[in-house]
Amino acid sequence: MTKANPVAVQKHLKGVDYPAGKQELIKHARQQGAGRDVLSLLEQLPEDEEYDNPADLNKAIGKIQ
């Protein structure tokens, strides 16, 4: 399976209210029609983290890939 890139992730998170936690991000991405690659990547985020903005989220995603 190909990994989602941060641009694809952010496309599916457009309009999300930051700060946001993992479950909120996953829920929003699902509502925006995100594919399995994006959802799989978000599911790998730490449970106890909150992201203040898209840049913070991109940094966390970079550590996963």
PDB file of N, CA and C in Angstrom:
ATOM      1  N   MET A   1       0.842  -1.181   0.000  1.00  0.00           N
ATOM      2  CA  MET A   1       0.000   0.000   0.000  1.00  0.00           C
ATOM      3  C   MET A   1       0.887   1.244   0.000  1.00  0.00           C
ATOM      4  N   THR A   2       0.484   2.221  -0.793  1.00  0.00           N
ATOM      5  CA  THR A   2       1.254   3.455  -0.813  1.00  0.00           C
ATOM      6  C   THR A   2       0.893   4.311   0.389  1.00  0.00           C
ATOM      7  N   LYS A   3       1.879   5.038   0.858  1.00  0.00           N
ATOM      8  CA  LYS A   3       1.657   5.924   2.001  1.00  0.00           C
ATOM      9  C   LYS A   3       1.055   7.227   1.505  1.00  0.00           C
ATOM     10  N   ALA A   4       0.165   7.785   2.301  1.00  0.00           N
ATOM     11  CA  ALA A   4      -0.404   9.093   1.990  1.00  0.00           C
ATOM     12  C   ALA A   4       0.661  10.155   2.252  1.00  0.00           C
ATOM     13  N   ASN A   5       0.702  11.139   1.406  1.00  0.00           N
ATOM     14  CA  ASN A   5       1.638  12.229   1.663  1.00  0.00           C
ATOM     15  C   ASN A   5       0.920  13.324   2.450  1.00  0.00           C
ATOM     16  N   PRO A   6       1.676  14.201   3.094  1.00  0.00           N
ATOM     17  CA  PRO A   6       1.060  15.236   3.926  1.00  0.00           C
ATOM     18  C   PRO A   6       0.074  16.126   3.176  1.00  0.00           C
ATOM     19  N   VAL A   7       0.309  16.347   1.884  1.00  0.00           N
ATOM     20  CA  VAL A   7      -0.619  17.172   1.100  1.00  0.00           C
ATOM     21  C   VAL A   7      -1.974  16.476   0.992  1.00  0.00           C
ATOM     22  N   ALA A   8      -1.968  15.176   0.736  1.00  0.00           N
ATOM     23  CA  ALA A   8      -3.220  14.416   0.657  1.00  0.00           C
ATOM     24  C   ALA A   8      -3.930  14.408   2.009  1.00  0.00           C
ATOM     25  N   VAL A   9      -3.169  14.270   3.069  1.00  0.00           N
ATOM     26  CA  VAL A   9      -3.752  14.269   4.411  1.00  0.00           C
ATOM     27  C   VAL A   9      -4.415  15.618   4.669  1.00  0.00           C
ATOM     28  N   GLN A  10      -3.707  16.702   4.412  1.00  0.00           N
ATOM     29  CA  GLN A  10      -4.259  18.032   4.671  1.00  0.00           C
ATOM     30  C   GLN A  10      -5.480  18.326   3.806  1.00  0.00           C
ATOM     31  N   LYS A  11      -5.503  17.791   2.600  1.00  0.00           N
ATOM     32  CA  LYS A  11      -6.669  17.973   1.725  1.00  0.00           C
ATOM     33  C   LYS A  11      -7.924  17.412   2.397  1.00  0.00           C
ATOM     34  N   HIS A  12      -7.785  16.282   3.056  1.00  0.00           N
ATOM     35  CA  HIS A  12      -8.932  15.649   3.704  1.00  0.00           C
ATOM     36  C   HIS A  12      -9.217  16.218   5.095  1.00  0.00           C
ATOM     37  N   LEU A  13      -8.327  17.070   5.573  1.00  0.00           N
ATOM     38  CA  LEU A  13      -8.540  17.688   6.884  1.00  0.00           C
ATOM     39  C   LEU A  13      -8.919  19.163   6.760  1.00  0.00           C
ATOM     40  N   LYS A  14      -9.197  19.601   5.547  1.00  0.00           N
ATOM     41  CA  LYS A  14      -9.588  20.993   5.325  1.00  0.00           C
ATOM     42  C   LYS A  14     -10.812  21.318   6.174  1.00  0.00           C
ATOM     43  N   GLY A  15     -10.705  22.408   6.929  1.00  0.00           N
ATOM     44  CA  GLY A  15     -11.819  22.847   7.754  1.00  0.00           C
ATOM     45  C   GLY A  15     -11.845  22.284   9.166  1.00  0.00           C
ATOM     46  N   VAL A  16     -10.896  21.416   9.495  1.00  0.00           N
ATOM     47  CA  VAL A  16     -10.862  20.870  10.856  1.00  0.00           C
ATOM     48  C   VAL A  16     -10.473  21.983  11.829  1.00  0.00           C
ATOM     49  N   ASP A  17     -11.054  21.945  13.006  1.00  0.00           N
ATOM     50  CA  ASP A  17     -10.745  22.949  14.023  1.00  0.00           C
ATOM     51  C   ASP A  17      -9.556  22.482  14.854  1.00  0.00           C
ATOM     52  N   TYR A  18      -8.460  23.234  14.772  1.00  0.00           N
ATOM     53  CA  TYR A  18      -7.285  22.961  15.593  1.00  0.00           C
ATOM     54  C   TYR A  18      -7.392  23.761  16.873  1.00  0.00           C
ATOM     55  N   PRO A  19      -6.853  23.315  17.992  1.00  0.00           N
ATOM     56  CA  PRO A  19      -6.122  22.066  18.161  1.00  0.00           C
ATOM     57  C   PRO A  19      -7.064  20.864  18.046  1.00  0.00           C
ATOM     58  N   ALA A  20      -6.494  19.771  17.541  1.00  0.00           N
ATOM     59  CA  ALA A  20      -7.273  18.554  17.317  1.00  0.00           C
ATOM     60  C   ALA A  20      -6.455  17.340  17.705  1.00  0.00           C
ATOM     61  N   GLY A  21      -7.151  16.345  18.234  1.00  0.00           N
ATOM     62  CA  GLY A  21      -6.523  15.083  18.595  1.00  0.00           C
ATOM     63  C   GLY A  21      -6.723  14.050  17.504  1.00  0.00           C
ATOM     64  N   LYS A  22      -6.111  12.916  17.697  1.00  0.00           N
ATOM     65  CA  LYS A  22      -6.134  11.827  16.722  1.00  0.00           C
ATOM     66  C   LYS A  22      -7.549  11.438  16.299  1.00  0.00           C
ATOM     67  N   GLN A  23      -8.422  11.165  17.254  1.00  0.00           N
ATOM     68  CA  GLN A  23      -9.765  10.694  16.910  1.00  0.00           C
ATOM     69  C   GLN A  23     -10.570  11.746  16.151  1.00  0.00           C
ATOM     70  N   GLU A  24     -10.399  12.999  16.524  1.00  0.00           N
ATOM     71  CA  GLU A  24     -11.088  14.080  15.812  1.00  0.00           C
ATOM     72  C   GLU A  24     -10.594  14.178  14.369  1.00  0.00           C
ATOM     73  N   LEU A  25      -9.291  14.027  14.185  1.00  0.00           N
ATOM     74  CA  LEU A  25      -8.717  14.087  12.838  1.00  0.00           C
ATOM     75  C   LEU A  25      -9.224  12.927  11.974  1.00  0.00           C
ATOM     76  N   ILE A  26      -9.265  11.732  12.545  1.00  0.00           N
ATOM     77  CA  ILE A  26      -9.750  10.560  11.813  1.00  0.00           C
ATOM     78  C   ILE A  26     -11.216  10.749  11.430  1.00  0.00           C
ATOM     79  N   LYS A  27     -12.021  11.201  12.375  1.00  0.00           N
ATOM     80  CA  LYS A  27     -13.448  11.409  12.112  1.00  0.00           C
ATOM     81  C   LYS A  27     -13.649  12.427  10.985  1.00  0.00           C
ATOM     82  N   HIS A  28     -12.925  13.532  11.048  1.00  0.00           N
ATOM     83  CA  HIS A  28     -13.052  14.572  10.026  1.00  0.00           C
ATOM     84  C   HIS A  28     -12.606  14.047   8.653  1.00  0.00           C
ATOM     85  N   ALA A  29     -11.497  13.333   8.636  1.00  0.00           N
ATOM     86  CA  ALA A  29     -10.995  12.789   7.364  1.00  0.00           C
ATOM     87  C   ALA A  29     -12.009  11.823   6.754  1.00  0.00           C
ATOM     88  N   ARG A  30     -12.632  10.985   7.576  1.00  0.00           N
ATOM     89  CA  ARG A  30     -13.666  10.057   7.076  1.00  0.00           C
ATOM     90  C   ARG A  30     -14.825  10.827   6.453  1.00  0.00           C
ATOM     91  N   GLN A  31     -15.253  11.885   7.138  1.00  0.00           N
ATOM     92  CA  GLN A  31     -16.371  12.692   6.645  1.00  0.00           C
ATOM     93  C   GLN A  31     -16.033  13.370   5.318  1.00  0.00           C
ATOM     94  N   GLN A  32     -14.744  13.613   5.105  1.00  0.00           N
ATOM     95  CA  GLN A  32     -14.295  14.259   3.875  1.00  0.00           C
ATOM     96  C   GLN A  32     -13.968  13.245   2.772  1.00  0.00           C
ATOM     97  N   GLY A  33     -14.225  11.977   3.039  1.00  0.00           N
ATOM     98  CA  GLY A  33     -14.018  10.948   2.017  1.00  0.00           C
ATOM     99  C   GLY A  33     -12.585  10.482   1.855  1.00  0.00           C
ATOM    100  N   ALA A  34     -11.804  10.564   2.924  1.00  0.00           N
ATOM    101  CA  ALA A  34     -10.401  10.133   2.859  1.00  0.00           C
ATOM    102  C   ALA A  34     -10.312   8.640   2.543  1.00  0.00           C
ATOM    103  N   GLY A  35      -9.291   8.289   1.801  1.00  0.00           N
ATOM    104  CA  GLY A  35      -9.045   6.893   1.449  1.00  0.00           C
ATOM    105  C   GLY A  35      -8.353   6.146   2.573  1.00  0.00           C
ATOM    106  N   ARG A  36      -8.207   4.866   2.364  1.00  0.00           N
ATOM    107  CA  ARG A  36      -7.588   3.991   3.360  1.00  0.00           C
ATOM    108  C   ARG A  36      -6.162   4.430   3.698  1.00  0.00           C
ATOM    109  N   ASP A  37      -5.415   4.925   2.704  1.00  0.00           N
ATOM    110  CA  ASP A  37      -4.028   5.331   2.964  1.00  0.00           C
ATOM    111  C   ASP A  37      -3.959   6.494   3.954  1.00  0.00           C
ATOM    112  N   VAL A  38      -4.844   7.476   3.788  1.00  0.00           N
ATOM    113  CA  VAL A  38      -4.867   8.623   4.693  1.00  0.00           C
ATOM    114  C   VAL A  38      -5.318   8.183   6.085  1.00  0.00           C
ATOM    115  N   LEU A  39      -6.379   7.408   6.150  1.00  0.00           N
ATOM    116  CA  LEU A  39      -6.898   6.957   7.439  1.00  0.00           C
ATOM    117  C   LEU A  39      -5.881   6.085   8.171  1.00  0.00           C
ATOM    118  N   SER A  40      -5.215   5.222   7.446  1.00  0.00           N
ATOM    119  CA  SER A  40      -4.207   4.348   8.049  1.00  0.00           C
ATOM    120  C   SER A  40      -3.080   5.177   8.670  1.00  0.00           C
ATOM    121  N   LEU A  41      -2.687   6.208   7.982  1.00  0.00           N
ATOM    122  CA  LEU A  41      -1.621   7.069   8.493  1.00  0.00           C
ATOM    123  C   LEU A  41      -2.075   7.798   9.754  1.00  0.00           C
ATOM    124  N   LEU A  42      -3.285   8.329   9.745  1.00  0.00           N
ATOM    125  CA  LEU A  42      -3.799   9.030  10.923  1.00  0.00           C
ATOM    126  C   LEU A  42      -3.950   8.080  12.112  1.00  0.00           C
ATOM    127  N   GLU A  43      -4.301   6.836  11.830  1.00  0.00           N
ATOM    128  CA  GLU A  43      -4.469   5.853  12.907  1.00  0.00           C
ATOM    129  C   GLU A  43      -3.154   5.527  13.604  1.00  0.00           C
ATOM    130  N   GLN A  44      -2.044   5.824  12.966  1.00  0.00           N
ATOM    131  CA  GLN A  44      -0.734   5.563  13.558  1.00  0.00           C
ATOM    132  C   GLN A  44      -0.253   6.691  14.474  1.00  0.00           C
ATOM    133  N   LEU A  45      -0.988   7.792  14.501  1.00  0.00           N
ATOM    134  CA  LEU A  45      -0.609   8.908  15.366  1.00  0.00           C
ATOM    135  C   LEU A  45      -0.753   8.499  16.836  1.00  0.00           C
ATOM    136  N   PRO A  46       0.042   9.094  17.711  1.00  0.00           N
ATOM    137  CA  PRO A  46      -0.091   8.792  19.139  1.00  0.00           C
ATOM    138  C   PRO A  46      -1.472   9.213  19.657  1.00  0.00           C
ATOM    139  N   GLU A  47      -2.021   8.407  20.528  1.00  0.00           N
ATOM    140  CA  GLU A  47      -3.366   8.629  21.074  1.00  0.00           C
ATOM    141  C   GLU A  47      -3.454   9.901  21.915  1.00  0.00           C
ATOM    142  N   ASP A  48      -2.382  10.224  22.635  1.00  0.00           N
ATOM    143  CA  ASP A  48      -2.439  11.307  23.621  1.00  0.00           C
ATOM    144  C   ASP A  48      -1.924  12.655  23.127  1.00  0.00           C
ATOM    145  N   GLU A  49      -1.669  12.777  21.839  1.00  0.00           N
ATOM    146  CA  GLU A  49      -1.155  14.035  21.288  1.00  0.00           C
ATOM    147  C   GLU A  49      -2.291  14.908  20.776  1.00  0.00           C
ATOM    148  N   GLU A  50      -2.082  16.226  20.870  1.00  0.00           N
ATOM    149  CA  GLU A  50      -2.971  17.183  20.226  1.00  0.00           C
ATOM    150  C   GLU A  50      -2.118  18.030  19.314  1.00  0.00           C
ATOM    151  N   TYR A  51      -2.675  18.376  18.173  1.00  0.00           N
ATOM    152  CA  TYR A  51      -1.942  19.137  17.165  1.00  0.00           C
ATOM    153  C   TYR A  51      -2.549  20.526  17.083  1.00  0.00           C
ATOM    154  N   ASP A  52      -1.693  21.538  17.219  1.00  0.00           N
ATOM    155  CA  ASP A  52      -2.162  22.923  17.259  1.00  0.00           C
ATOM    156  C   ASP A  52      -2.465  23.490  15.879  1.00  0.00           C
ATOM    157  N   ASN A  53      -1.844  22.908  14.852  1.00  0.00           N
ATOM    158  CA  ASN A  53      -2.021  23.420  13.494  1.00  0.00           C
ATOM    159  C   ASN A  53      -1.545  22.370  12.490  1.00  0.00           C
ATOM    160  N   PRO A  54      -1.785  22.605  11.202  1.00  0.00           N
ATOM    161  CA  PRO A  54      -1.362  21.622  10.192  1.00  0.00           C
ATOM    162  C   PRO A  54       0.142  21.345  10.190  1.00  0.00           C
ATOM    163  N   ALA A  55       0.951  22.340  10.504  1.00  0.00           N
ATOM    164  CA  ALA A  55       2.406  22.134  10.525  1.00  0.00           C
ATOM    165  C   ALA A  55       2.801  21.129  11.607  1.00  0.00           C
ATOM    166  N   ASP A  56       2.183  21.242  12.786  1.00  0.00           N
ATOM    167  CA  ASP A  56       2.460  20.279  13.859  1.00  0.00           C
ATOM    168  C   ASP A  56       2.071  18.869  13.431  1.00  0.00           C
ATOM    169  N   LEU A  57       0.930  18.756  12.782  1.00  0.00           N
ATOM    170  CA  LEU A  57       0.478  17.450  12.314  1.00  0.00           C
ATOM    171  C   LEU A  57       1.441  16.891  11.271  1.00  0.00           C
ATOM    172  N   ASN A  58       1.898  17.726  10.350  1.00  0.00           N
ATOM    173  CA  ASN A  58       2.841  17.272   9.323  1.00  0.00           C
ATOM    174  C   ASN A  58       4.143  16.768   9.944  1.00  0.00           C
ATOM    175  N   LYS A  59       4.604  17.414  11.008  1.00  0.00           N
ATOM    176  CA  LYS A  59       5.822  16.960  11.694  1.00  0.00           C
ATOM    177  C   LYS A  59       5.605  15.555  12.271  1.00  0.00           C
ATOM    178  N   ALA A  60       4.443  15.347  12.885  1.00  0.00           N
ATOM    179  CA  ALA A  60       4.130  14.034  13.461  1.00  0.00           C
ATOM    180  C   ALA A  60       4.026  12.971  12.375  1.00  0.00           C
ATOM    181  N   ILE A  61       3.431  13.320  11.262  1.00  0.00           N
ATOM    182  CA  ILE A  61       3.304  12.381  10.145  1.00  0.00           C
ATOM    183  C   ILE A  61       4.680  12.012   9.610  1.00  0.00           C
ATOM    184  N   GLY A  62       5.572  13.014   9.551  1.00  0.00           N
ATOM    185  CA  GLY A  62       6.931  12.760   9.078  1.00  0.00           C
ATOM    186  C   GLY A  62       7.675  11.760   9.942  1.00  0.00           C
ATOM    187  N   LYS A  63       7.379  11.737  11.223  1.00  0.00           N
ATOM    188  CA  LYS A  63       8.031  10.778  12.132  1.00  0.00           C
ATOM    189  C   LYS A  63       7.505   9.357  11.924  1.00  0.00           C
ATOM    190  N   ILE A  64       6.293   9.241  11.427  1.00  0.00           N
ATOM    191  CA  ILE A  64       5.696   7.914  11.184  1.00  0.00           C
ATOM    192  C   ILE A  64       6.293   7.282   9.937  1.00  0.00           C
ATOM    193  N   GLN A  65       6.409   8.058   8.893  1.00  0.00           N
ATOM    194  CA  GLN A  65       6.812   7.495   7.595  1.00  0.00           C
ATOM    195  C   GLN A  65       8.280   7.196   7.514  1.00  0.00           C
TER     196      GLN A  65
END
